[in-house]
């Protein structure tokens, strides 16, 4: 069974910053240099837009119980 890798918030921020500093690179090139998949880097970069720390918090689904 395959396990998903978990990355620290700091690592994600560094990857987003790396991509931001190297806009001439494609996501595939930058991801290869960082040792992650291009889709992972794209997701982190997209989620980082408009946040102060470069990453959005995980969304929490609210549960509504009937009264």
C-alpha atoms as a PDB file:
ATOM      1  CA  UNK A   1       0.000   0.000   0.000  1.00  0.00           C
ATOM      2  CA  UNK A   2       1.291   3.451  -0.912  1.00  0.00           C
ATOM      3  CA  UNK A   3       1.481   6.121   1.772  1.00  0.00           C
ATOM      4  CA  UNK A   4       1.192   9.819   1.053  1.00  0.00           C
ATOM      5  CA  UNK A   5       4.196  11.884   2.012  1.00  0.00           C
ATOM      6  CA  UNK A   6       3.650  14.633   4.522  1.00  0.00           C
ATOM      7  CA  UNK A   7       5.576  17.885   4.272  1.00  0.00           C
ATOM      8  CA  UNK A   8       6.125  20.548   6.896  1.00  0.00           C
ATOM      9  CA  UNK A   9       4.583  23.963   6.542  1.00  0.00           C
ATOM     10  CA  UNK A  10       8.076  25.458   6.367  1.00  0.00           C
ATOM     11  CA  UNK A  11       9.031  23.180   3.463  1.00  0.00           C
ATOM     12  CA  UNK A  12       5.860  24.103   1.586  1.00  0.00           C
ATOM     13  CA  UNK A  13       6.578  27.797   2.108  1.00  0.00           C
ATOM     14  CA  UNK A  14      10.142  27.353   0.854  1.00  0.00           C
ATOM     15  CA  UNK A  15       8.874  25.588  -2.276  1.00  0.00           C
ATOM     16  CA  UNK A  16       6.335  28.325  -2.977  1.00  0.00           C
ATOM     17  CA  UNK A  17       9.025  30.974  -2.464  1.00  0.00           C
ATOM     18  CA  UNK A  18      11.396  29.061  -4.761  1.00  0.00           C
ATOM     19  CA  UNK A  19       8.755  29.015  -7.501  1.00  0.00           C
ATOM     20  CA  UNK A  20       7.996  32.693  -6.957  1.00  0.00           C
ATOM     21  CA  UNK A  21      11.703  33.560  -7.248  1.00  0.00           C
ATOM     22  CA  UNK A  22      12.102  31.463 -10.412  1.00  0.00           C
ATOM     23  CA  UNK A  23       9.090  32.424 -12.506  1.00  0.00           C
ATOM     24  CA  UNK A  24      10.998  31.667 -15.700  1.00  0.00           C
ATOM     25  CA  UNK A  25      10.928  27.957 -14.756  1.00  0.00           C
ATOM     26  CA  UNK A  26       8.018  25.694 -15.449  1.00  0.00           C
ATOM     27  CA  UNK A  27       6.312  23.964 -12.535  1.00  0.00           C
ATOM     28  CA  UNK A  28       7.776  20.679 -13.782  1.00  0.00           C
ATOM     29  CA  UNK A  29      11.342  22.041 -13.768  1.00  0.00           C
ATOM     30  CA  UNK A  30      11.020  23.620 -10.328  1.00  0.00           C
ATOM     31  CA  UNK A  31       9.335  20.538  -8.872  1.00  0.00           C
ATOM     32  CA  UNK A  32      12.090  18.287 -10.183  1.00  0.00           C
ATOM     33  CA  UNK A  33      14.696  20.520  -8.528  1.00  0.00           C
ATOM     34  CA  UNK A  34      12.745  20.366  -5.262  1.00  0.00           C
ATOM     35  CA  UNK A  35      12.103  16.623  -5.378  1.00  0.00           C
ATOM     36  CA  UNK A  36       8.303  16.858  -5.443  1.00  0.00           C
ATOM     37  CA  UNK A  37       5.667  16.377  -8.119  1.00  0.00           C
ATOM     38  CA  UNK A  38       4.629  19.247 -10.368  1.00  0.00           C
ATOM     39  CA  UNK A  39       0.974  18.871  -9.371  1.00  0.00           C
ATOM     40  CA  UNK A  40       1.896  19.184  -5.693  1.00  0.00           C
ATOM     41  CA  UNK A  41       3.876  22.355  -6.338  1.00  0.00           C
ATOM     42  CA  UNK A  42       1.071  23.806  -8.459  1.00  0.00           C
ATOM     43  CA  UNK A  43      -1.459  23.139  -5.696  1.00  0.00           C
ATOM     44  CA  UNK A  44       0.737  24.734  -3.006  1.00  0.00           C
ATOM     45  CA  UNK A  45       1.453  27.741  -5.230  1.00  0.00           C
ATOM     46  CA  UNK A  46      -2.215  28.222  -6.094  1.00  0.00           C
ATOM     47  CA  UNK A  47      -3.262  27.912  -2.449  1.00  0.00           C
ATOM     48  CA  UNK A  48      -0.592  30.402  -1.352  1.00  0.00           C
ATOM     49  CA  UNK A  49      -2.004  33.279  -3.382  1.00  0.00           C
ATOM     50  CA  UNK A  50      -3.512  35.935  -1.168  1.00  0.00           C
ATOM     51  CA  UNK A  51      -2.298  34.580   2.174  1.00  0.00           C
ATOM     52  CA  UNK A  52       0.127  36.339   4.477  1.00  0.00           C
ATOM     53  CA  UNK A  53       2.198  33.264   5.356  1.00  0.00           C
ATOM     54  CA  UNK A  54       2.140  31.732   1.889  1.00  0.00           C
ATOM     55  CA  UNK A  55      -0.165  28.851   2.746  1.00  0.00           C
ATOM     56  CA  UNK A  56      -3.834  28.491   3.472  1.00  0.00           C
ATOM     57  CA  UNK A  57      -4.994  26.571   6.491  1.00  0.00           C
ATOM     58  CA  UNK A  58      -6.696  23.265   5.872  1.00  0.00           C
ATOM     59  CA  UNK A  59     -10.399  23.732   5.406  1.00  0.00           C
ATOM     60  CA  UNK A  60     -12.617  22.397   8.111  1.00  0.00           C
ATOM     61  CA  UNK A  61     -15.958  21.068   7.106  1.00  0.00           C
ATOM     62  CA  UNK A  62     -18.683  22.115   9.423  1.00  0.00           C
ATOM     63  CA  UNK A  63     -21.185  19.550  10.460  1.00  0.00           C
ATOM     64  CA  UNK A  64     -24.764  20.501  10.949  1.00  0.00           C
ATOM     65  CA  UNK A  65     -26.852  18.305  13.139  1.00  0.00           C
ATOM     66  CA  UNK A  66     -30.617  18.271  12.923  1.00  0.00           C
ATOM     67  CA  UNK A  67     -32.413  19.918  15.816  1.00  0.00           C
END
